[in-house]
Amino acid sequence: MPWIALTHPPDALGILALALLIEAVAGYPDGLYRALGHPVTWIGRLIAALERRLNRGSGTARRLGGILGLGLLLAVTAALSLGLTALAALAGHGAGLVLLALLAASLPAQRSLFVHVRRVSAALRTEGVSGGRAAVSMIVGRNPESLDEAAVCRAAIESLAENFSDGIVAPAFWIGAGGLTGGALYKAINTADSMVGHRTPRYEAYGWASARLDDLVNLPASRLTAGLLIVSAALSRDVSATGAWRAIRRDAGRHRSPNAGWPEAAMAGALGLRLAGPRIYGETRVEDAWMGDGRAEATPDDIVRALKLYRTACALLFTLSASGAGLWLTFGR
């Protein structure tokens, strides 16, 4: 079946390179979102519908319901994405690859992450702390009223680092591993974790499977993200690759998340900052280890430096995917 080739290297890497390029240039157009929504919103509706029906009964019943709900979510996602892959192949190999890249471009979020984080820096400069709090509340879950200017800046930089891993490198990794289907399955798992993978009375049992699977599928991307940030720091001015490496070795394993510590420590060490640490979500104070041993008094200029490092890392990710596709075409066949 020739369409299966579009789920394996080098075609999956070609789909990835094109998808990253398309998304970096165009993002996800507002008109398309208003007309059709977004894959994450479609996935979210299915997750919510399954949760309403399956999250009932005792703790054991809820955990089993969560496993069943996750399995149904992945089955539907796989069936649809494999069907789209098969339909794209009917257009021919080259055209099919481009069509799949256009679909896969909806999965990473390079452009929107850059825009949202840059908005925090701009708001702090023009509107002060109140504007920065409003802007950062769009990208973090913590209580913005508890943040001073330095904490707003740290929150924006932490979100940039963590979402670079979860929102860009991870979907890219799984697109490269399995084409559109690999990326779509990752996005379904990650969205399920963000919706139901919380340690609350309602979700702790039901969301257990989603949270554990999300930890697993994000493991390779978090380490790759840290590596991308180290190399990007070595290619950039005013940041430190050795600082990033030292912070990862010392601090990444101390983070309460098995994955978030890697990109956050890399970003903190590269910028000479301290990130993470104690934070307030709603009314709850979360005690977490500091990533990095630099200054905690982050500034809007540090957000700008972080964004420059991020853009270099995104360019490096694209270069790796395009080079991988080219090398496989040259030597792998």
C-alpha atoms as a PDB file:
ATOM      1  CA  MET A   1       0.000   0.000   0.000  1.00  0.00           C
ATOM      2  CA  PRO A   2       1.910   3.097  -1.189  1.00  0.00           C
ATOM      3  CA  TRP A   3       0.219   5.499   1.234  1.00  0.00           C
ATOM      4  CA  ILE A   4       1.996   3.782   4.127  1.00  0.00           C
ATOM      5  CA  ALA A   5       5.264   5.251   2.833  1.00  0.00           C
ATOM      6  CA  LEU A   6       3.995   8.680   3.840  1.00  0.00           C
ATOM      7  CA  THR A   7       4.148   7.633   7.505  1.00  0.00           C
ATOM      8  CA  HIS A   8       7.808   6.539   7.437  1.00  0.00           C
ATOM      9  CA  PRO A   9      11.186   8.228   6.884  1.00  0.00           C
ATOM     10  CA  PRO A  10      12.241   9.956   4.738  1.00  0.00           C
ATOM     11  CA  ASP A  11       8.704  11.107   3.948  1.00  0.00           C
ATOM     12  CA  ALA A  12       7.751  11.699   7.584  1.00  0.00           C
ATOM     13  CA  LEU A  13      10.825  13.904   7.967  1.00  0.00           C
ATOM     14  CA  GLY A  14       9.897  15.734   4.771  1.00  0.00           C
ATOM     15  CA  ILE A  15       6.375  16.279   6.088  1.00  0.00           C
ATOM     16  CA  LEU A  16       7.875  17.580   9.329  1.00  0.00           C
ATOM     17  CA  ALA A  17      10.261  20.025   7.646  1.00  0.00           C
ATOM     18  CA  LEU A  18       7.510  21.434   5.429  1.00  0.00           C
ATOM     19  CA  ALA A  19       5.053  21.614   8.345  1.00  0.00           C
ATOM     20  CA  LEU A  20       7.517  23.538  10.513  1.00  0.00           C
ATOM     21  CA  LEU A  21       8.234  25.958   7.681  1.00  0.00           C
ATOM     22  CA  ILE A  22       4.536  26.522   6.910  1.00  0.00           C
ATOM     23  CA  GLU A  23       3.640  27.056  10.560  1.00  0.00           C
ATOM     24  CA  ALA A  24       6.556  29.422  11.183  1.00  0.00           C
ATOM     25  CA  VAL A  25       5.531  31.583   8.226  1.00  0.00           C
ATOM     26  CA  ALA A  26       1.734  31.473   8.478  1.00  0.00           C
ATOM     27  CA  GLY A  27       0.826  30.109  11.904  1.00  0.00           C
ATOM     28  CA  TYR A  28      -2.769  28.921  12.105  1.00  0.00           C
ATOM     29  CA  PRO A  29      -4.845  31.566  10.271  1.00  0.00           C
ATOM     30  CA  ASP A  30      -7.572  33.263  12.314  1.00  0.00           C
ATOM     31  CA  GLY A  31     -10.067  32.887   9.465  1.00  0.00           C
ATOM     32  CA  LEU A  32      -9.498  29.146   9.374  1.00  0.00           C
ATOM     33  CA  TYR A  33      -9.936  28.947  13.134  1.00  0.00           C
ATOM     34  CA  ARG A  34     -13.211  30.873  12.993  1.00  0.00           C
ATOM     35  CA  ALA A  35     -14.495  28.712  10.132  1.00  0.00           C
ATOM     36  CA  LEU A  36     -13.365  25.270  11.245  1.00  0.00           C
ATOM     37  CA  GLY A  37     -11.849  25.488  14.694  1.00  0.00           C
ATOM     38  CA  HIS A  38      -8.535  23.772  15.421  1.00  0.00           C
ATOM     39  CA  PRO A  39      -7.524  20.115  15.854  1.00  0.00           C
ATOM     40  CA  VAL A  40      -6.960  20.745  19.567  1.00  0.00           C
ATOM     41  CA  THR A  41     -10.526  22.053  19.961  1.00  0.00           C
ATOM     42  CA  TRP A  42     -11.905  19.036  18.099  1.00  0.00           C
ATOM     43  CA  ILE A  43      -9.872  16.687  20.279  1.00  0.00           C
ATOM     44  CA  GLY A  44     -10.934  18.626  23.363  1.00  0.00           C
ATOM     45  CA  ARG A  45     -14.624  18.186  22.574  1.00  0.00           C
ATOM     46  CA  LEU A  46     -14.170  14.435  22.276  1.00  0.00           C
ATOM     47  CA  ILE A  47     -12.199  14.287  25.545  1.00  0.00           C
ATOM     48  CA  ALA A  48     -14.914  16.269  27.346  1.00  0.00           C
ATOM     49  CA  ALA A  49     -17.699  14.080  25.949  1.00  0.00           C
ATOM     50  CA  LEU A  50     -15.913  10.869  26.979  1.00  0.00           C
ATOM     51  CA  GLU A  51     -15.144  12.257  30.435  1.00  0.00           C
ATOM     52  CA  ARG A  52     -18.783  13.143  31.091  1.00  0.00           C
ATOM     53  CA  ARG A  53     -19.837   9.575  30.331  1.00  0.00           C
ATOM     54  CA  LEU A  54     -16.973   7.592  31.854  1.00  0.00           C
ATOM     55  CA  ASN A  55     -15.790   9.539  34.911  1.00  0.00           C
ATOM     56  CA  ARG A  56     -18.244   8.014  37.377  1.00  0.00           C
ATOM     57  CA  GLY A  57     -18.347   5.686  40.364  1.00  0.00           C
ATOM     58  CA  SER A  58     -15.558   4.693  42.724  1.00  0.00           C
ATOM     59  CA  GLY A  59     -11.873   5.507  42.369  1.00  0.00           C
ATOM     60  CA  THR A  60     -11.183   2.183  40.640  1.00  0.00           C
ATOM     61  CA  ALA A  61     -14.121   2.635  38.268  1.00  0.00           C
ATOM     62  CA  ARG A  62     -12.938   6.154  37.446  1.00  0.00           C
ATOM     63  CA  ARG A  63      -9.411   4.956  36.724  1.00  0.00           C
ATOM     64  CA  LEU A  64     -10.717   2.219  34.438  1.00  0.00           C
ATOM     65  CA  GLY A  65     -13.005   4.756  32.793  1.00  0.00           C
ATOM     66  CA  GLY A  66     -10.008   7.004  32.172  1.00  0.00           C
ATOM     67  CA  ILE A  67      -8.085   4.154  30.572  1.00  0.00           C
ATOM     68  CA  LEU A  68     -11.067   3.347  28.358  1.00  0.00           C
ATOM     69  CA  GLY A  69     -11.605   7.008  27.479  1.00  0.00           C
ATOM     70  CA  LEU A  70      -7.951   7.426  26.533  1.00  0.00           C
ATOM     71  CA  GLY A  71      -8.054   4.273  24.414  1.00  0.00           C
ATOM     72  CA  LEU A  72     -11.150   5.451  22.545  1.00  0.00           C
ATOM     73  CA  LEU A  73      -9.596   8.890  22.009  1.00  0.00           C
ATOM     74  CA  LEU A  74      -6.454   7.371  20.518  1.00  0.00           C
ATOM     75  CA  ALA A  75      -8.405   4.938  18.364  1.00  0.00           C
ATOM     76  CA  VAL A  76     -10.518   7.716  16.854  1.00  0.00           C
ATOM     77  CA  THR A  77      -7.460   9.940  16.338  1.00  0.00           C
ATOM     78  CA  ALA A  78      -5.480   7.155  14.685  1.00  0.00           C
ATOM     79  CA  ALA A  79      -8.362   6.158  12.415  1.00  0.00           C
ATOM     80  CA  LEU A  80      -8.959   9.705  11.200  1.00  0.00           C
ATOM     81  CA  SER A  81      -5.294  10.565  10.679  1.00  0.00           C
ATOM     82  CA  LEU A  82      -4.557   7.291   8.885  1.00  0.00           C
ATOM     83  CA  GLY A  83      -7.611   7.892   6.711  1.00  0.00           C
ATOM     84  CA  LEU A  84      -6.363  11.371   5.816  1.00  0.00           C
ATOM     85  CA  THR A  85      -2.939   9.924   5.035  1.00  0.00           C
ATOM     86  CA  ALA A  86      -4.506   7.385   2.688  1.00  0.00           C
ATOM     87  CA  LEU A  87      -6.602  10.067   0.969  1.00  0.00           C
ATOM     88  CA  ALA A  88      -3.568  12.337   0.561  1.00  0.00           C
ATOM     89  CA  ALA A  89      -1.680   9.536  -1.168  1.00  0.00           C
ATOM     90  CA  LEU A  90      -4.345   9.463  -3.872  1.00  0.00           C
ATOM     91  CA  ALA A  91      -3.045  12.864  -5.034  1.00  0.00           C
ATOM     92  CA  GLY A  92       0.348  11.334  -5.794  1.00  0.00           C
ATOM     93  CA  HIS A  93       3.489  11.127  -3.728  1.00  0.00           C
ATOM     94  CA  GLY A  94       4.681  14.740  -3.969  1.00  0.00           C
ATOM     95  CA  ALA A  95       1.265  16.364  -3.734  1.00  0.00           C
ATOM     96  CA  GLY A  96       0.273  13.985  -0.947  1.00  0.00           C
ATOM     97  CA  LEU A  97       3.348  14.902   1.037  1.00  0.00           C
ATOM     98  CA  VAL A  98       2.517  18.619   0.720  1.00  0.00           C
ATOM     99  CA  LEU A  99      -1.106  18.030   1.727  1.00  0.00           C
ATOM    100  CA  LEU A 100      -0.030  16.110   4.814  1.00  0.00           C
ATOM    101  CA  ALA A 101       2.464  18.854   5.673  1.00  0.00           C
ATOM    102  CA  LEU A 102      -0.349  21.414   5.515  1.00  0.00           C
ATOM    103  CA  LEU A 103      -2.398  19.289   7.914  1.00  0.00           C
ATOM    104  CA  ALA A 104       0.567  18.611  10.197  1.00  0.00           C
ATOM    105  CA  ALA A 105       1.359  22.341  10.339  1.00  0.00           C
ATOM    106  CA  SER A 106      -1.613  22.713  12.702  1.00  0.00           C
ATOM    107  CA  LEU A 107       0.137  20.606  15.357  1.00  0.00           C
ATOM    108  CA  PRO A 108       3.253  22.620  16.388  1.00  0.00           C
ATOM    109  CA  ALA A 109       2.807  26.192  17.613  1.00  0.00           C
ATOM    110  CA  GLN A 110       6.062  28.049  16.963  1.00  0.00           C
ATOM    111  CA  ARG A 111       4.516  31.296  15.790  1.00  0.00           C
ATOM    112  CA  SER A 112       1.736  31.640  18.354  1.00  0.00           C
ATOM    113  CA  LEU A 113       4.078  30.861  21.249  1.00  0.00           C
ATOM    114  CA  PHE A 114       6.483  33.559  20.072  1.00  0.00           C
ATOM    115  CA  VAL A 115       3.653  36.085  19.704  1.00  0.00           C
ATOM    116  CA  HIS A 116       2.167  35.391  23.137  1.00  0.00           C
ATOM    117  CA  VAL A 117       5.489  35.571  24.983  1.00  0.00           C
ATOM    118  CA  ARG A 118       6.618  38.697  23.119  1.00  0.00           C
ATOM    119  CA  ARG A 119       3.309  40.297  24.107  1.00  0.00           C
ATOM    120  CA  VAL A 120       4.269  39.969  27.787  1.00  0.00           C
ATOM    121  CA  SER A 121       7.473  41.924  27.263  1.00  0.00           C
ATOM    122  CA  ALA A 122       5.672  44.597  25.246  1.00  0.00           C
ATOM    123  CA  ALA A 123       2.889  44.908  27.837  1.00  0.00           C
ATOM    124  CA  LEU A 124       5.370  45.354  30.676  1.00  0.00           C
ATOM    125  CA  ARG A 125       7.107  48.152  28.793  1.00  0.00           C
ATOM    126  CA  THR A 126       3.942  50.018  27.797  1.00  0.00           C
ATOM    127  CA  GLU A 127       1.414  49.211  30.549  1.00  0.00           C
ATOM    128  CA  GLY A 128       3.542  48.248  33.535  1.00  0.00           C
ATOM    129  CA  VAL A 129       2.993  45.296  35.854  1.00  0.00           C
ATOM    130  CA  SER A 130      -0.793  45.247  35.405  1.00  0.00           C
ATOM    131  CA  GLY A 131      -0.416  44.870  31.639  1.00  0.00           C
ATOM    132  CA  GLY A 132       2.254  42.210  32.065  1.00  0.00           C
ATOM    133  CA  ARG A 133       0.020  40.260  34.435  1.00  0.00           C
ATOM    134  CA  ALA A 134      -2.851  40.335  31.955  1.00  0.00           C
ATOM    135  CA  ALA A 135      -0.604  39.217  29.094  1.00  0.00           C
ATOM    136  CA  VAL A 136       1.094  36.417  31.030  1.00  0.00           C
ATOM    137  CA  SER A 137      -2.257  35.108  32.288  1.00  0.00           C
ATOM    138  CA  MET A 138      -2.925  34.009  28.696  1.00  0.00           C
ATOM    139  CA  ILE A 139      -0.061  31.502  28.770  1.00  0.00           C
ATOM    140  CA  VAL A 140       0.320  30.352  32.398  1.00  0.00           C
ATOM    141  CA  GLY A 141      -2.064  28.862  34.936  1.00  0.00           C
ATOM    142  CA  ARG A 142      -0.733  30.549  38.047  1.00  0.00           C
ATOM    143  CA  ASN A 143      -2.444  33.409  39.849  1.00  0.00           C
ATOM    144  CA  PRO A 144      -1.222  36.560  38.019  1.00  0.00           C
ATOM    145  CA  GLU A 145      -2.112  38.859  40.929  1.00  0.00           C
ATOM    146  CA  SER A 146       0.597  37.182  42.991  1.00  0.00           C
ATOM    147  CA  LEU A 147       3.332  38.176  40.506  1.00  0.00           C
ATOM    148  CA  ASP A 148       5.585  41.206  40.606  1.00  0.00           C
ATOM    149  CA  GLU A 149       7.441  42.324  37.466  1.00  0.00           C
ATOM    150  CA  ALA A 150      10.320  39.867  37.923  1.00  0.00           C
ATOM    151  CA  ALA A 151       7.896  36.994  38.526  1.00  0.00           C
ATOM    152  CA  VAL A 152       5.888  37.942  35.430  1.00  0.00           C
ATOM    153  CA  CYS A 153       9.104  37.816  33.397  1.00  0.00           C
ATOM    154  CA  ARG A 154      10.120  34.474  34.893  1.00  0.00           C
ATOM    155  CA  ALA A 155       6.666  33.041  34.242  1.00  0.00           C
ATOM    156  CA  ALA A 156       6.810  34.082  30.595  1.00  0.00           C
ATOM    157  CA  ILE A 157      10.288  32.588  30.135  1.00  0.00           C
ATOM    158  CA  GLU A 158       9.319  29.365  31.939  1.00  0.00           C
ATOM    159  CA  SER A 159       6.247  29.046  29.727  1.00  0.00           C
ATOM    160  CA  LEU A 160       8.398  29.629  26.645  1.00  0.00           C
ATOM    161  CA  ALA A 161      10.811  26.870  27.674  1.00  0.00           C
ATOM    162  CA  GLU A 162       8.179  24.314  28.681  1.00  0.00           C
ATOM    163  CA  ASN A 163       5.898  24.985  25.713  1.00  0.00           C
ATOM    164  CA  PHE A 164       8.840  24.829  23.323  1.00  0.00           C
ATOM    165  CA  SER A 165       9.178  21.236  24.489  1.00  0.00           C
ATOM    166  CA  ASP A 166       5.489  20.248  24.743  1.00  0.00           C
ATOM    167  CA  GLY A 167       4.060  22.412  21.984  1.00  0.00           C
ATOM    168  CA  ILE A 168       6.762  22.279  19.321  1.00  0.00           C
ATOM    169  CA  VAL A 169       9.576  19.772  19.799  1.00  0.00           C
ATOM    170  CA  ALA A 170       7.317  16.937  21.006  1.00  0.00           C
ATOM    171  CA  PRO A 171       4.796  17.100  18.129  1.00  0.00           C
ATOM    172  CA  ALA A 172       7.745  17.550  15.748  1.00  0.00           C
ATOM    173  CA  PHE A 173       9.451  14.459  17.179  1.00  0.00           C
ATOM    174  CA  TRP A 174       6.336  12.339  16.746  1.00  0.00           C
ATOM    175  CA  ILE A 175       5.565  13.698  13.264  1.00  0.00           C
ATOM    176  CA  GLY A 176       9.119  12.761  12.301  1.00  0.00           C
ATOM    177  CA  ALA A 177       8.630   9.311  13.816  1.00  0.00           C
ATOM    178  CA  GLY A 178       5.195   8.562  12.365  1.00  0.00           C
ATOM    179  CA  GLY A 179       3.988  11.256   9.996  1.00  0.00           C
ATOM    180  CA  LEU A 180       0.634  12.957  10.536  1.00  0.00           C
ATOM    181  CA  THR A 181      -0.617  10.018  12.613  1.00  0.00           C
ATOM    182  CA  GLY A 182       2.316  10.181  15.019  1.00  0.00           C
ATOM    183  CA  GLY A 183       1.849  13.911  15.530  1.00  0.00           C
ATOM    184  CA  ALA A 184      -1.918  13.662  15.922  1.00  0.00           C
ATOM    185  CA  LEU A 185      -1.660  10.881  18.500  1.00  0.00           C
ATOM    186  CA  TYR A 186       0.827  12.926  20.502  1.00  0.00           C
ATOM    187  CA  LYS A 187      -1.453  15.960  20.391  1.00  0.00           C
ATOM    188  CA  ALA A 188      -4.390  13.857  21.609  1.00  0.00           C
ATOM    189  CA  ILE A 189      -2.377  12.551  24.565  1.00  0.00           C
ATOM    190  CA  ASN A 190      -1.043  15.988  25.466  1.00  0.00           C
ATOM    191  CA  THR A 191      -4.482  17.595  25.234  1.00  0.00           C
ATOM    192  CA  ALA A 192      -5.983  14.864  27.397  1.00  0.00           C
ATOM    193  CA  ASP A 193      -3.323  15.466  30.033  1.00  0.00           C
ATOM    194  CA  SER A 194      -3.967  19.218  29.994  1.00  0.00           C
ATOM    195  CA  MET A 195      -7.718  18.682  30.425  1.00  0.00           C
ATOM    196  CA  VAL A 196      -8.004  15.754  32.830  1.00  0.00           C
ATOM    197  CA  GLY A 197      -4.496  14.995  34.087  1.00  0.00           C
ATOM    198  CA  HIS A 198      -4.891  17.019  37.277  1.00  0.00           C
ATOM    199  CA  ARG A 199      -4.581  15.917  40.895  1.00  0.00           C
ATOM    200  CA  THR A 200      -8.039  17.072  41.902  1.00  0.00           C
ATOM    201  CA  PRO A 201     -10.907  15.035  43.394  1.00  0.00           C
ATOM    202  CA  ARG A 202     -12.654  14.912  40.022  1.00  0.00           C
ATOM    203  CA  TYR A 203      -9.686  14.015  37.825  1.00  0.00           C
ATOM    204  CA  GLU A 204      -7.009  12.308  39.908  1.00  0.00           C
ATOM    205  CA  ALA A 205      -8.259   8.774  39.205  1.00  0.00           C
ATOM    206  CA  TYR A 206      -9.813   9.389  35.787  1.00  0.00           C
ATOM    207  CA  GLY A 207      -6.837  11.333  34.446  1.00  0.00           C
ATOM    208  CA  TRP A 208      -4.181   8.959  35.798  1.00  0.00           C
ATOM    209  CA  ALA A 209      -3.627   7.131  32.483  1.00  0.00           C
ATOM    210  CA  SER A 210      -3.492  10.369  30.460  1.00  0.00           C
ATOM    211  CA  ALA A 211      -0.979  11.951  32.827  1.00  0.00           C
ATOM    212  CA  ARG A 212       1.296   8.918  32.927  1.00  0.00           C
ATOM    213  CA  LEU A 213       1.222   8.426  29.150  1.00  0.00           C
ATOM    214  CA  ASP A 214       1.897  12.132  28.601  1.00  0.00           C
ATOM    215  CA  ASP A 215       4.973  11.880  30.825  1.00  0.00           C
ATOM    216  CA  LEU A 216       6.194   8.957  28.731  1.00  0.00           C
ATOM    217  CA  VAL A 217       5.667  10.453  25.271  1.00  0.00           C
ATOM    218  CA  ASN A 218       7.223  13.766  26.318  1.00  0.00           C
ATOM    219  CA  LEU A 219      10.370  12.167  27.696  1.00  0.00           C
ATOM    220  CA  PRO A 220      12.411  12.119  24.445  1.00  0.00           C
ATOM    221  CA  ALA A 221      11.285  15.613  23.419  1.00  0.00           C
ATOM    222  CA  SER A 222      12.209  17.211  26.751  1.00  0.00           C
ATOM    223  CA  ARG A 223      15.773  15.910  26.452  1.00  0.00           C
ATOM    224  CA  LEU A 224      15.945  16.915  22.790  1.00  0.00           C
ATOM    225  CA  THR A 225      14.672  20.396  23.677  1.00  0.00           C
ATOM    226  CA  ALA A 226      17.419  20.805  26.250  1.00  0.00           C
ATOM    227  CA  GLY A 227      19.979  19.774  23.639  1.00  0.00           C
ATOM    228  CA  LEU A 228      18.576  22.217  21.093  1.00  0.00           C
ATOM    229  CA  LEU A 229      18.797  25.041  23.629  1.00  0.00           C
ATOM    230  CA  ILE A 230      22.403  24.168  24.490  1.00  0.00           C
ATOM    231  CA  VAL A 231      23.469  24.143  20.835  1.00  0.00           C
ATOM    232  CA  SER A 232      21.484  27.302  20.127  1.00  0.00           C
ATOM    233  CA  ALA A 233      23.163  29.024  23.069  1.00  0.00           C
ATOM    234  CA  ALA A 234      26.546  28.057  21.632  1.00  0.00           C
ATOM    235  CA  LEU A 235      25.511  29.733  18.367  1.00  0.00           C
ATOM    236  CA  SER A 236      24.202  32.897  20.048  1.00  0.00           C
ATOM    237  CA  ARG A 237      25.522  35.944  21.848  1.00  0.00           C
ATOM    238  CA  ASP A 238      24.795  37.006  25.431  1.00  0.00           C
ATOM    239  CA  VAL A 239      23.812  33.491  26.522  1.00  0.00           C
ATOM    240  CA  SER A 240      25.815  30.560  27.882  1.00  0.00           C
ATOM    241  CA  ALA A 241      25.840  27.007  26.545  1.00  0.00           C
ATOM    242  CA  THR A 242      28.010  25.832  29.437  1.00  0.00           C
ATOM    243  CA  GLY A 243      25.630  27.494  31.890  1.00  0.00           C
ATOM    244  CA  ALA A 244      22.729  25.625  30.289  1.00  0.00           C
ATOM    245  CA  TRP A 245      24.581  22.317  30.522  1.00  0.00           C
ATOM    246  CA  ARG A 246      25.528  22.852  34.175  1.00  0.00           C
ATOM    247  CA  ALA A 247      21.963  23.774  35.121  1.00  0.00           C
ATOM    248  CA  ILE A 248      20.549  20.689  33.410  1.00  0.00           C
ATOM    249  CA  ARG A 249      22.990  18.368  35.168  1.00  0.00           C
ATOM    250  CA  ARG A 250      22.389  19.946  38.548  1.00  0.00           C
ATOM    251  CA  ASP A 251      18.706  20.877  38.506  1.00  0.00           C
ATOM    252  CA  ALA A 252      16.611  19.096  35.840  1.00  0.00           C
ATOM    253  CA  GLY A 253      16.033  16.014  37.979  1.00  0.00           C
ATOM    254  CA  ARG A 254      14.894  18.120  40.941  1.00  0.00           C
ATOM    255  CA  HIS A 255      11.811  19.479  39.145  1.00  0.00           C
ATOM    256  CA  ARG A 256       8.457  18.030  40.227  1.00  0.00           C
ATOM    257  CA  SER A 257       7.819  17.131  36.566  1.00  0.00           C
ATOM    258  CA  PRO A 258       9.936  14.356  35.028  1.00  0.00           C
ATOM    259  CA  ASN A 259      10.201  16.409  31.826  1.00  0.00           C
ATOM    260  CA  ALA A 260       9.676  20.139  32.405  1.00  0.00           C
ATOM    261  CA  GLY A 261      12.908  20.519  34.347  1.00  0.00           C
ATOM    262  CA  TRP A 262      15.018  19.829  31.266  1.00  0.00           C
ATOM    263  CA  PRO A 263      13.956  22.768  29.082  1.00  0.00           C
ATOM    264  CA  GLU A 264      13.463  25.088  32.067  1.00  0.00           C
ATOM    265  CA  ALA A 265      16.919  24.332  33.484  1.00  0.00           C
ATOM    266  CA  ALA A 266      18.486  24.739  30.035  1.00  0.00           C
ATOM    267  CA  MET A 267      16.804  28.112  29.532  1.00  0.00           C
ATOM    268  CA  ALA A 268      17.665  29.280  33.054  1.00  0.00           C
ATOM    269  CA  GLY A 269      21.319  28.316  32.739  1.00  0.00           C
ATOM    270  CA  ALA A 270      21.660  29.826  29.278  1.00  0.00           C
ATOM    271  CA  LEU A 271      20.217  33.175  30.420  1.00  0.00           C
ATOM    272  CA  GLY A 272      21.917  33.267  33.830  1.00  0.00           C
ATOM    273  CA  LEU A 273      18.574  33.215  35.647  1.00  0.00           C
ATOM    274  CA  ARG A 274      16.712  31.224  38.265  1.00  0.00           C
ATOM    275  CA  LEU A 275      13.402  29.834  37.037  1.00  0.00           C
ATOM    276  CA  ALA A 276      10.592  27.709  38.517  1.00  0.00           C
ATOM    277  CA  GLY A 277      10.813  27.703  42.318  1.00  0.00           C
ATOM    278  CA  PRO A 278       7.764  28.253  44.577  1.00  0.00           C
ATOM    279  CA  ARG A 279       4.643  29.372  42.683  1.00  0.00           C
ATOM    280  CA  ILE A 280       0.957  30.019  43.361  1.00  0.00           C
ATOM    281  CA  TYR A 281      -1.760  28.360  41.263  1.00  0.00           C
ATOM    282  CA  GLY A 282      -5.141  29.806  42.209  1.00  0.00           C
ATOM    283  CA  GLU A 283      -4.943  29.766  45.997  1.00  0.00           C
ATOM    284  CA  THR A 284      -2.478  26.864  46.187  1.00  0.00           C
ATOM    285  CA  ARG A 285       1.237  27.400  46.743  1.00  0.00           C
ATOM    286  CA  VAL A 286       3.385  24.842  44.929  1.00  0.00           C
ATOM    287  CA  GLU A 287       6.862  24.274  46.333  1.00  0.00           C
ATOM    288  CA  ASP A 288       9.241  23.457  43.516  1.00  0.00           C
ATOM    289  CA  ALA A 289      13.011  23.540  43.151  1.00  0.00           C
ATOM    290  CA  TRP A 290      14.750  26.429  41.457  1.00  0.00           C
ATOM    291  CA  MET A 291      16.193  25.764  38.018  1.00  0.00           C
ATOM    292  CA  GLY A 292      19.502  27.566  37.538  1.00  0.00           C
ATOM    293  CA  ASP A 293      21.581  29.494  40.069  1.00  0.00           C
ATOM    294  CA  GLY A 294      21.544  32.958  38.491  1.00  0.00           C
ATOM    295  CA  ARG A 295      19.512  36.012  39.416  1.00  0.00           C
ATOM    296  CA  ALA A 296      15.788  35.767  40.125  1.00  0.00           C
ATOM    297  CA  GLU A 297      15.173  39.401  39.165  1.00  0.00           C
ATOM    298  CA  ALA A 298      14.292  38.768  35.523  1.00  0.00           C
ATOM    299  CA  THR A 299      13.466  41.738  33.278  1.00  0.00           C
ATOM    300  CA  PRO A 300      11.655  42.350  29.964  1.00  0.00           C
ATOM    301  CA  ASP A 301      15.093  42.353  28.329  1.00  0.00           C
ATOM    302  CA  ASP A 302      15.527  38.761  29.533  1.00  0.00           C
ATOM    303  CA  ILE A 303      12.278  37.821  27.772  1.00  0.00           C
ATOM    304  CA  VAL A 304      13.716  39.297  24.576  1.00  0.00           C
ATOM    305  CA  ARG A 305      16.934  37.293  25.037  1.00  0.00           C
ATOM    306  CA  ALA A 306      14.901  34.137  25.659  1.00  0.00           C
ATOM    307  CA  LEU A 307      12.896  34.732  22.478  1.00  0.00           C
ATOM    308  CA  LYS A 308      16.080  35.149  20.439  1.00  0.00           C
ATOM    309  CA  LEU A 309      17.378  31.850  21.818  1.00  0.00           C
ATOM    310  CA  TYR A 310      14.009  30.240  21.085  1.00  0.00           C
ATOM    311  CA  ARG A 311      14.026  31.419  17.467  1.00  0.00           C
ATOM    312  CA  THR A 312      17.506  30.012  16.975  1.00  0.00           C
ATOM    313  CA  ALA A 313      16.391  26.691  18.451  1.00  0.00           C
ATOM    314  CA  CYS A 314      13.333  26.604  16.147  1.00  0.00           C
ATOM    315  CA  ALA A 315      15.590  27.244  13.145  1.00  0.00           C
ATOM    316  CA  LEU A 316      17.884  24.462  14.335  1.00  0.00           C
ATOM    317  CA  LEU A 317      14.938  22.066  14.662  1.00  0.00           C
ATOM    318  CA  PHE A 318      13.874  22.841  11.087  1.00  0.00           C
ATOM    319  CA  THR A 319      17.453  22.402   9.839  1.00  0.00           C
ATOM    320  CA  LEU A 320      17.746  19.021  11.526  1.00  0.00           C
ATOM    321  CA  SER A 321      14.459  17.777  10.066  1.00  0.00           C
ATOM    322  CA  ALA A 322      15.220  19.027   6.559  1.00  0.00           C
ATOM    323  CA  SER A 323      18.764  17.646   6.693  1.00  0.00           C
ATOM    324  CA  GLY A 324      17.495  14.319   7.982  1.00  0.00           C
ATOM    325  CA  ALA A 325      15.022  14.051   5.108  1.00  0.00           C
ATOM    326  CA  GLY A 326      17.721  14.957   2.598  1.00  0.00           C
ATOM    327  CA  LEU A 327      20.257  12.507   4.007  1.00  0.00           C
ATOM    328  CA  TRP A 328      17.723   9.689   4.049  1.00  0.00           C
ATOM    329  CA  LEU A 329      16.799  10.388   0.444  1.00  0.00           C
ATOM    330  CA  THR A 330      20.459  10.397  -0.548  1.00  0.00           C
ATOM    331  CA  PHE A 331      21.795   7.430   1.416  1.00  0.00           C
ATOM    332  CA  GLY A 332      18.822   5.548   2.880  1.00  0.00           C
ATOM    333  CA  ARG A 333      17.239   4.231  -0.307  1.00  0.00           C
END
